[in-house]
């Protein structure tokens, strides 16, 4: 569950591809239209949102996703309110996941040149609140479907990873999926973490993704990995 159209691929695309390849049903929720994903003042926002829908579809095919849901919320207008929580709860109750992945909302400052996008933080908190107690308690948002308990949450883009997923066999699928988001392959601030989308040429960006996966792999003792902070929730 992520804020922008390319966030799932950048943040955890290797994990999603690995799980899909092993036969798991993998669904993604994107909470915004992605229409502000350009710094060009002449950008047609409606056209960019349409283009990003096409990019999401292509990326989903590259990862082998079972489904994707997108909320019609404008970039920068996410609020961790009942409306967003209800939307997330409805998806959780429909899909009934065993594991939910979302941004770590407590990860704010990455060095001295980047801090985490507000939309990422909002989605992280809203997702946590939606998973517990809301989705598991039938008295929260009863119109959103039957209650469902999620046993595990994995927080990506975290400063405190404690579990890693081996993505050696899925890294190229992740790179292919990320490169489907061609509208976003532009210059981004130096030092941006994996929860955002640094840019440049496709070859340069693919090298960045491999280096980051290799860095996580060294922590995990494998060639390539993605790291998460894991929460295990009692029923």
Protein backbone atom coordinates (compact mmCIF):
# COMPACT_ATOMS: atom_id res chain seq x y z
CA UNK A 1 0.00 0.00 0.00
CA UNK A 2 1.77 3.07 -1.28
CA UNK A 3 1.21 6.70 -2.17
CA UNK A 4 2.35 7.18 -5.77
CA UNK A 5 2.15 5.02 -8.91
CA UNK A 6 5.84 4.01 -8.91
CA UNK A 7 6.32 3.67 -5.14
CA UNK A 8 5.57 -0.08 -4.88
CA UNK A 9 8.05 -0.97 -7.63
CA UNK A 10 10.84 1.21 -6.22
CA UNK A 11 10.23 0.34 -2.58
CA UNK A 12 9.60 -3.41 -2.75
CA UNK A 13 9.31 -4.49 -6.38
CA UNK A 14 11.77 -7.35 -5.92
CA UNK A 15 9.74 -8.77 -3.06
CA UNK A 16 6.48 -8.46 -4.99
CA UNK A 17 8.00 -10.14 -8.05
CA UNK A 18 9.55 -12.92 -5.97
CA UNK A 19 6.27 -13.68 -4.23
CA UNK A 20 4.36 -13.62 -7.53
CA UNK A 21 6.86 -16.02 -9.10
CA UNK A 22 6.34 -18.43 -6.21
CA UNK A 23 2.59 -18.53 -6.78
CA UNK A 24 1.33 -15.97 -4.28
CA UNK A 25 -1.47 -13.58 -5.16
CA UNK A 26 0.02 -10.10 -4.94
CA UNK A 27 -2.19 -7.02 -4.96
CA UNK A 28 -1.13 -3.37 -4.83
CA UNK A 29 -3.01 -0.30 -3.61
CA UNK A 30 -1.86 3.11 -4.89
CA UNK A 31 -3.47 6.01 -3.04
CA UNK A 32 -2.99 8.94 -5.44
CA UNK A 33 -3.41 9.80 -9.11
CA UNK A 34 0.27 10.71 -9.50
CA UNK A 35 -0.65 13.80 -11.51
CA UNK A 36 1.95 16.04 -9.85
CA UNK A 37 4.89 13.80 -10.75
CA UNK A 38 6.57 16.50 -12.83
CA UNK A 39 8.38 19.77 -12.10
CA UNK A 40 7.52 21.20 -15.54
CA UNK A 41 4.99 24.06 -15.06
CA UNK A 42 3.55 23.35 -18.54
CA UNK A 43 2.62 19.75 -17.67
CA UNK A 44 -0.94 18.70 -18.47
CA UNK A 45 -1.83 17.09 -15.13
CA UNK A 46 -4.75 15.06 -16.46
CA UNK A 47 -2.61 13.69 -19.27
CA UNK A 48 0.20 12.82 -16.85
CA UNK A 49 -2.24 10.97 -14.59
CA UNK A 50 -3.50 9.03 -17.62
CA UNK A 51 0.03 8.22 -18.70
CA UNK A 52 0.92 7.02 -15.23
CA UNK A 53 -2.06 4.67 -15.22
CA UNK A 54 -0.61 3.06 -18.34
CA UNK A 55 2.82 2.87 -16.70
CA UNK A 56 1.32 1.18 -13.65
CA UNK A 57 -0.38 -1.42 -15.81
CA UNK A 58 2.89 -2.21 -17.60
CA UNK A 59 4.78 -2.39 -14.31
CA UNK A 60 2.16 -4.72 -12.88
CA UNK A 61 2.63 -7.08 -15.79
CA UNK A 62 6.40 -7.03 -15.27
CA UNK A 63 5.96 -7.99 -11.61
CA UNK A 64 3.22 -10.55 -12.23
CA UNK A 65 0.70 -8.77 -10.00
CA UNK A 66 -2.71 -10.31 -9.43
CA UNK A 67 -4.41 -6.93 -9.10
CA UNK A 68 -3.99 -3.23 -8.48
CA UNK A 69 -6.34 -0.62 -6.99
CA UNK A 70 -5.85 3.12 -7.35
CA UNK A 71 -7.64 5.79 -5.31
CA UNK A 72 -8.68 9.03 -7.08
CA UNK A 73 -6.85 11.33 -4.65
CA UNK A 74 -4.64 14.16 -5.89
CA UNK A 75 -0.94 14.13 -5.03
CA UNK A 76 -0.22 16.07 -1.85
CA UNK A 77 -3.82 15.88 -0.62
CA UNK A 78 -3.64 12.62 1.31
CA UNK A 79 -4.85 12.90 4.90
CA UNK A 80 -4.84 10.12 7.49
CA UNK A 81 -8.56 10.59 8.08
CA UNK A 82 -11.55 8.25 8.22
CA UNK A 83 -12.03 8.44 4.46
CA UNK A 84 -8.56 7.16 3.63
CA UNK A 85 -8.64 4.57 6.41
CA UNK A 86 -12.02 3.31 5.20
CA UNK A 87 -10.69 2.96 1.64
CA UNK A 88 -7.68 0.98 2.87
CA UNK A 89 -9.83 -1.18 5.15
CA UNK A 90 -12.12 -2.00 2.22
CA UNK A 91 -9.16 -3.23 0.16
CA UNK A 92 -7.78 -5.27 3.07
CA UNK A 93 -11.14 -6.92 3.68
CA UNK A 94 -11.64 -7.65 -0.03
CA UNK A 95 -8.14 -9.05 -0.67
CA UNK A 96 -7.67 -10.63 2.80
CA UNK A 97 -3.86 -10.49 2.75
CA UNK A 98 -1.56 -12.47 5.00
CA UNK A 99 1.09 -9.73 4.73
CA UNK A 100 0.71 -6.00 4.16
CA UNK A 101 3.62 -3.86 2.95
CA UNK A 102 3.66 -0.09 3.37
CA UNK A 103 6.12 2.77 4.03
CA UNK A 104 7.63 3.16 7.48
CA UNK A 105 6.07 6.47 8.59
CA UNK A 106 8.65 6.92 11.35
CA UNK A 107 11.49 7.11 8.80
CA UNK A 108 11.65 10.84 8.14
CA UNK A 109 15.22 12.13 7.85
CA UNK A 110 17.66 10.43 5.49
CA UNK A 111 20.97 12.19 6.05
CA UNK A 112 21.06 15.96 5.77
CA UNK A 113 19.79 16.38 2.20
CA UNK A 114 16.46 14.52 2.06
CA UNK A 115 13.42 13.94 4.22
CA UNK A 116 10.57 11.59 3.45
CA UNK A 117 7.67 12.79 1.32
CA UNK A 118 4.56 13.71 3.32
CA UNK A 119 2.38 11.41 1.18
CA UNK A 120 4.59 8.45 2.12
CA UNK A 121 4.31 9.27 5.81
CA UNK A 122 0.53 9.73 5.63
CA UNK A 123 0.01 6.43 3.83
CA UNK A 124 2.23 4.64 6.33
CA UNK A 125 0.25 5.87 9.33
CA UNK A 126 -3.12 5.37 7.62
CA UNK A 127 -2.17 1.82 6.65
CA UNK A 128 -1.06 0.94 10.17
CA UNK A 129 -4.29 2.35 11.61
CA UNK A 130 -6.35 0.54 8.98
CA UNK A 131 -4.70 -2.83 9.64
CA UNK A 132 -5.06 -2.59 13.43
CA UNK A 133 -7.49 -2.21 14.88
CA UNK A 134 -9.83 -1.21 12.07
CA UNK A 135 -9.73 -4.04 9.48
CA UNK A 136 -9.84 -6.74 12.15
CA UNK A 137 -12.71 -5.22 14.12
CA UNK A 138 -16.21 -5.50 12.62
CA UNK A 139 -17.34 -2.35 14.43
CA UNK A 140 -14.96 -0.19 12.37
CA UNK A 141 -16.30 0.71 8.92
CA UNK A 142 -18.93 -2.09 8.81
CA UNK A 143 -19.88 -1.11 5.24
CA UNK A 144 -16.32 -1.98 4.10
CA UNK A 145 -16.88 -5.73 4.37
CA UNK A 146 -16.26 -8.55 6.82
CA UNK A 147 -13.44 -8.14 9.34
CA UNK A 148 -10.02 -9.53 8.46
CA UNK A 149 -6.94 -9.88 10.66
CA UNK A 150 -3.57 -9.20 9.03
CA UNK A 151 -0.87 -11.13 10.92
CA UNK A 152 2.22 -9.44 9.44
CA UNK A 153 3.18 -5.95 8.31
CA UNK A 154 6.45 -5.20 6.50
CA UNK A 155 7.57 -1.57 6.58
CA UNK A 156 9.72 -0.52 3.64
CA UNK A 157 12.01 2.49 3.41
CA UNK A 158 12.84 1.95 7.06
CA UNK A 159 15.87 3.09 9.01
CA UNK A 160 15.59 -0.03 11.19
CA UNK A 161 15.32 -3.14 8.98
CA UNK A 162 15.18 -6.42 10.87
CA UNK A 163 14.09 -8.84 8.13
CA UNK A 164 15.19 -9.20 4.52
CA UNK A 165 13.73 -10.85 1.42
CA UNK A 166 16.14 -12.50 -1.02
CA UNK A 167 15.38 -10.91 -4.40
CA UNK A 168 18.27 -12.31 -6.44
CA UNK A 169 15.93 -14.12 -8.81
CA UNK A 170 13.51 -11.17 -9.01
CA UNK A 171 15.81 -8.16 -9.26
CA UNK A 172 15.65 -7.89 -13.04
CA UNK A 173 11.84 -8.04 -12.90
CA UNK A 174 11.92 -5.19 -10.39
CA UNK A 175 14.19 -3.15 -12.64
CA UNK A 176 11.97 -3.81 -15.65
CA UNK A 177 8.92 -2.74 -13.63
CA UNK A 178 10.54 0.45 -12.36
CA UNK A 179 11.66 1.39 -15.86
CA UNK A 180 8.04 1.15 -17.02
CA UNK A 181 7.53 4.45 -15.14
CA UNK A 182 9.27 6.41 -17.87
CA UNK A 183 7.59 9.68 -16.94
CA UNK A 184 9.54 9.60 -13.69
CA UNK A 185 13.02 8.95 -15.11
CA UNK A 186 14.13 12.54 -14.59
CA UNK A 187 16.64 14.16 -12.27
CA UNK A 188 15.74 13.91 -8.60
CA UNK A 189 17.49 15.23 -5.47
CA UNK A 190 20.76 13.54 -4.59
CA UNK A 191 20.41 11.27 -1.58
CA UNK A 192 16.76 10.35 -2.14
CA UNK A 193 16.09 6.94 -0.52
CA UNK A 194 14.43 3.94 -2.10
CA UNK A 195 11.02 5.23 -0.98
CA UNK A 196 11.25 7.98 -3.58
CA UNK A 197 12.28 7.92 -7.21
CA UNK A 198 15.74 9.19 -8.07
CA UNK A 199 16.13 9.60 -11.76
CA UNK A 200 18.48 9.78 -14.70
CA UNK A 201 19.01 7.50 -17.68
CA UNK A 202 17.49 4.00 -17.53
CA UNK A 203 20.96 2.39 -17.34
CA UNK A 204 22.02 4.71 -14.54
CA UNK A 205 18.83 4.04 -12.61
CA UNK A 206 19.12 0.27 -13.06
CA UNK A 207 22.63 0.46 -11.61
CA UNK A 208 21.29 2.38 -8.60
CA UNK A 209 18.66 -0.29 -7.97
CA UNK A 210 21.28 -3.07 -8.20
CA UNK A 211 23.59 -1.24 -5.79
CA UNK A 212 20.82 -0.74 -3.26
CA UNK A 213 19.80 -4.39 -3.49
CA UNK A 214 23.44 -5.42 -3.08
CA UNK A 215 23.78 -3.20 0.02
CA UNK A 216 20.74 -4.86 1.58
CA UNK A 217 22.04 -8.25 0.45
CA UNK A 218 25.25 -7.75 2.42
CA UNK A 219 23.17 -7.21 5.57
CA UNK A 220 21.15 -10.34 4.81
CA UNK A 221 24.06 -12.52 3.68
CA UNK A 222 22.76 -12.96 0.13
CA UNK A 223 23.57 -11.39 -3.22
CA UNK A 224 20.53 -9.10 -3.43
CA UNK A 225 17.81 -8.31 -0.92
CA UNK A 226 15.16 -5.84 0.20
CA UNK A 227 14.98 -4.96 3.88
CA UNK A 228 11.93 -4.29 6.03
CA UNK A 229 10.92 -3.61 9.60
CA UNK A 230 8.56 -6.46 10.52
CA UNK A 231 5.54 -6.21 12.80
CA UNK A 232 3.86 -9.42 13.97
CA UNK A 233 0.31 -8.77 15.14
CA UNK A 234 -1.57 -11.06 17.50
CA UNK A 235 -5.09 -11.99 16.52
